[in-house]
Amino acid sequence: MRKQFVLNLDAAVVIAVLFAVTLGFNALQYSFNVELTSENQRLQWQGLEDKLNLDSLSGALESHRAELKACQAPDEHG
């Protein structure tokens, strides 16, 4: 006796819907991934810029502190 493979219309519709939902979900995840990657890159550059600004301001602050100490020190000449 031969067995035949029969695919009901309901099963075909369910498979097609699941396939479409899966493709849609993958597209949604891809768009989130692109957005988050872009935001991450922007934040990385912003962090680098902030670090460079902080280092620059720290150096300027130390320079001004040294000038202030020099101005407040008693004059050796009298």
N, C-alpha and C. Protein backbone atom coordinates (compact mmCIF):
# COMPACT_ATOMS: atom_id res chain seq x y z
N MET A 1 0.83 -1.16 0.00
CA MET A 1 0.00 0.00 0.00
C MET A 1 0.89 1.25 0.00
N ARG A 2 0.56 2.18 -0.87
CA ARG A 2 1.31 3.43 -0.98
C ARG A 2 0.71 4.49 -0.08
N LYS A 3 1.61 5.23 0.57
CA LYS A 3 1.14 6.35 1.38
C LYS A 3 1.31 7.61 0.57
N GLN A 4 0.33 8.44 0.58
CA GLN A 4 0.41 9.70 -0.13
C GLN A 4 0.57 10.84 0.87
N PHE A 5 1.32 11.82 0.43
CA PHE A 5 1.49 13.02 1.23
C PHE A 5 0.44 14.03 0.81
N VAL A 6 -0.36 14.46 1.77
CA VAL A 6 -1.43 15.41 1.47
C VAL A 6 -1.21 16.64 2.34
N LEU A 7 -1.23 17.80 1.68
CA LEU A 7 -1.07 19.06 2.40
C LEU A 7 -2.39 19.79 2.34
N ASN A 8 -3.01 19.95 3.47
CA ASN A 8 -4.28 20.65 3.53
C ASN A 8 -4.08 22.14 3.27
N LEU A 9 -5.12 22.78 2.79
CA LEU A 9 -5.07 24.21 2.52
C LEU A 9 -4.82 24.99 3.81
N ASP A 10 -5.41 24.55 4.90
CA ASP A 10 -5.20 25.23 6.19
C ASP A 10 -3.74 25.19 6.60
N ALA A 11 -3.12 24.04 6.42
CA ALA A 11 -1.71 23.91 6.78
C ALA A 11 -0.84 24.80 5.90
N ALA A 12 -1.16 24.87 4.61
CA ALA A 12 -0.39 25.71 3.70
C ALA A 12 -0.53 27.18 4.08
N VAL A 13 -1.73 27.59 4.46
CA VAL A 13 -1.95 28.98 4.88
C VAL A 13 -1.17 29.28 6.15
N VAL A 14 -1.22 28.37 7.10
CA VAL A 14 -0.48 28.57 8.36
C VAL A 14 1.02 28.67 8.09
N ILE A 15 1.54 27.81 7.24
CA ILE A 15 2.97 27.85 6.90
C ILE A 15 3.31 29.16 6.23
N ALA A 16 2.48 29.62 5.30
CA ALA A 16 2.73 30.89 4.60
C ALA A 16 2.68 32.06 5.57
N VAL A 17 1.71 32.06 6.48
CA VAL A 17 1.61 33.15 7.46
C VAL A 17 2.81 33.15 8.40
N LEU A 18 3.21 31.99 8.87
CA LEU A 18 4.39 31.91 9.74
C LEU A 18 5.63 32.40 9.02
N PHE A 19 5.77 32.03 7.76
CA PHE A 19 6.91 32.48 6.97
C PHE A 19 6.90 34.00 6.83
N ALA A 20 5.74 34.58 6.53
CA ALA A 20 5.63 36.04 6.39
C ALA A 20 5.91 36.74 7.71
N VAL A 21 5.40 36.21 8.81
CA VAL A 21 5.64 36.81 10.13
C VAL A 21 7.12 36.73 10.47
N THR A 22 7.75 35.62 10.16
CA THR A 22 9.18 35.47 10.42
C THR A 22 9.99 36.48 9.62
N LEU A 23 9.66 36.65 8.35
CA LEU A 23 10.37 37.65 7.54
C LEU A 23 10.15 39.05 8.09
N GLY A 24 8.95 39.37 8.48
CA GLY A 24 8.66 40.68 9.06
C GLY A 24 9.41 40.92 10.35
N PHE A 25 9.45 39.90 11.20
CA PHE A 25 10.17 40.01 12.46
C PHE A 25 11.67 40.20 12.22
N ASN A 26 12.22 39.48 11.25
CA ASN A 26 13.63 39.65 10.91
C ASN A 26 13.92 41.04 10.39
N ALA A 27 13.02 41.59 9.57
CA ALA A 27 13.19 42.95 9.06
C ALA A 27 13.14 43.95 10.20
N LEU A 28 12.24 43.74 11.14
CA LEU A 28 12.13 44.63 12.30
C LEU A 28 13.40 44.58 13.14
N GLN A 29 13.90 43.39 13.39
CA GLN A 29 15.14 43.25 14.15
C GLN A 29 16.31 43.90 13.42
N TYR A 30 16.35 43.76 12.11
CA TYR A 30 17.42 44.38 11.33
C TYR A 30 17.37 45.90 11.46
N SER A 31 16.17 46.47 11.39
CA SER A 31 16.06 47.93 11.51
C SER A 31 16.47 48.39 12.91
N PHE A 32 16.11 47.64 13.94
CA PHE A 32 16.55 47.97 15.30
C PHE A 32 18.06 47.88 15.40
N ASN A 33 18.63 46.84 14.79
CA ASN A 33 20.07 46.65 14.83
C ASN A 33 20.80 47.81 14.15
N VAL A 34 20.32 48.24 13.00
CA VAL A 34 20.94 49.36 12.29
C VAL A 34 20.86 50.63 13.13
N GLU A 35 19.69 50.86 13.73
CA GLU A 35 19.50 52.06 14.55
C GLU A 35 20.41 52.05 15.77
N LEU A 36 20.48 50.92 16.45
CA LEU A 36 21.31 50.82 17.65
C LEU A 36 22.79 50.89 17.32
N THR A 37 23.19 50.33 16.19
CA THR A 37 24.59 50.41 15.77
C THR A 37 24.97 51.86 15.50
N SER A 38 24.09 52.58 14.84
CA SER A 38 24.34 53.99 14.55
C SER A 38 24.43 54.80 15.84
N GLU A 39 23.51 54.55 16.77
CA GLU A 39 23.53 55.26 18.04
C GLU A 39 24.78 54.92 18.84
N ASN A 40 25.17 53.66 18.83
CA ASN A 40 26.38 53.24 19.53
C ASN A 40 27.61 53.94 18.97
N GLN A 41 27.70 54.02 17.66
CA GLN A 41 28.84 54.69 17.03
C GLN A 41 28.86 56.17 17.41
N ARG A 42 27.69 56.82 17.40
CA ARG A 42 27.61 58.23 17.77
C ARG A 42 28.04 58.43 19.22
N LEU A 43 27.59 57.53 20.10
CA LEU A 43 27.96 57.64 21.51
C LEU A 43 29.44 57.36 21.74
N GLN A 44 30.02 56.46 20.95
CA GLN A 44 31.46 56.20 21.06
C GLN A 44 32.25 57.45 20.70
N TRP A 45 31.86 58.10 19.59
CA TRP A 45 32.55 59.33 19.19
C TRP A 45 32.32 60.43 20.22
N GLN A 46 31.12 60.54 20.76
CA GLN A 46 30.83 61.55 21.77
C GLN A 46 31.66 61.31 23.02
N GLY A 47 31.80 60.05 23.42
CA GLY A 47 32.63 59.71 24.58
C GLY A 47 34.08 60.09 24.36
N LEU A 48 34.59 59.84 23.17
CA LEU A 48 35.97 60.21 22.85
C LEU A 48 36.14 61.72 22.88
N GLU A 49 35.18 62.44 22.30
CA GLU A 49 35.23 63.90 22.30
C GLU A 49 35.17 64.45 23.73
N ASP A 50 34.30 63.87 24.55
CA ASP A 50 34.19 64.30 25.95
C ASP A 50 35.49 64.05 26.71
N LYS A 51 36.12 62.91 26.46
CA LYS A 51 37.38 62.61 27.14
C LYS A 51 38.47 63.60 26.74
N LEU A 52 38.54 63.90 25.44
CA LEU A 52 39.54 64.86 24.98
C LEU A 52 39.27 66.24 25.57
N ASN A 53 38.01 66.65 25.63
CA ASN A 53 37.66 67.93 26.24
C ASN A 53 38.01 67.97 27.71
N LEU A 54 37.74 66.88 28.42
CA LEU A 54 38.05 66.81 29.85
C LEU A 54 39.56 66.89 30.08
N ASP A 55 40.33 66.18 29.26
CA ASP A 55 41.79 66.23 29.40
C ASP A 55 42.32 67.64 29.13
N SER A 56 41.76 68.29 28.12
CA SER A 56 42.17 69.65 27.79
C SER A 56 41.83 70.62 28.92
N LEU A 57 40.61 70.50 29.45
CA LEU A 57 40.21 71.39 30.54
C LEU A 57 40.99 71.11 31.82
N SER A 58 41.31 69.86 32.07
CA SER A 58 42.11 69.52 33.25
C SER A 58 43.50 70.14 33.15
N GLY A 59 44.08 70.08 31.96
CA GLY A 59 45.40 70.70 31.75
C GLY A 59 45.34 72.20 31.92
N ALA A 60 44.31 72.84 31.40
CA ALA A 60 44.16 74.28 31.55
C ALA A 60 43.94 74.66 33.01
N LEU A 61 43.16 73.86 33.73
CA LEU A 61 42.91 74.13 35.15
C LEU A 61 44.20 74.03 35.95
N GLU A 62 44.99 73.02 35.70
CA GLU A 62 46.27 72.88 36.40
C GLU A 62 47.19 74.06 36.09
N SER A 63 47.19 74.50 34.85
CA SER A 63 48.00 75.65 34.46
C SER A 63 47.55 76.90 35.21
N HIS A 64 46.25 77.11 35.30
CA HIS A 64 45.74 78.28 36.01
C HIS A 64 46.00 78.18 37.51
N ARG A 65 45.94 77.00 38.06
CA ARG A 65 46.26 76.83 39.49
C ARG A 65 47.71 77.17 39.76
N ALA A 66 48.60 76.75 38.86
CA ALA A 66 50.02 77.08 39.03
C ALA A 66 50.23 78.59 38.93
N GLU A 67 49.55 79.26 38.01
CA GLU A 67 49.66 80.71 37.90
C GLU A 67 49.13 81.40 39.15
N LEU A 68 48.01 80.89 39.69
CA LEU A 68 47.43 81.46 40.90
C LEU A 68 48.38 81.32 42.08
N LYS A 69 49.02 80.14 42.21
CA LYS A 69 49.97 79.93 43.30
C LYS A 69 51.15 80.88 43.15
N ALA A 70 51.60 81.09 41.92
CA ALA A 70 52.72 82.00 41.68
C ALA A 70 52.34 83.42 42.04
N CYS A 71 51.10 83.81 41.79
CA CYS A 71 50.66 85.17 42.11
C CYS A 71 50.47 85.35 43.61
N GLN A 72 50.09 84.29 44.30
CA GLN A 72 49.83 84.40 45.75
C GLN A 72 51.09 84.22 46.58
N ALA A 73 52.12 83.71 45.99
CA ALA A 73 53.36 83.49 46.75
C ALA A 73 53.95 84.85 47.11
N PRO A 74 54.53 84.95 48.31
CA PRO A 74 55.13 86.25 48.73
C PRO A 74 56.32 86.58 47.83
N ASP A 75 56.43 87.82 47.52
CA ASP A 75 57.55 88.29 46.68
C ASP A 75 58.87 88.12 47.41
N GLU A 76 59.84 87.57 46.78
CA GLU A 76 61.16 87.42 47.41
C GLU A 76 61.91 88.74 47.42
N HIS A 77 61.53 89.68 46.56
CA HIS A 77 62.25 90.93 46.46
C HIS A 77 61.67 91.97 47.39
N GLY A 78 60.67 91.67 48.12
CA GLY A 78 60.27 92.55 49.06
C GLY A 78 59.11 93.21 49.36
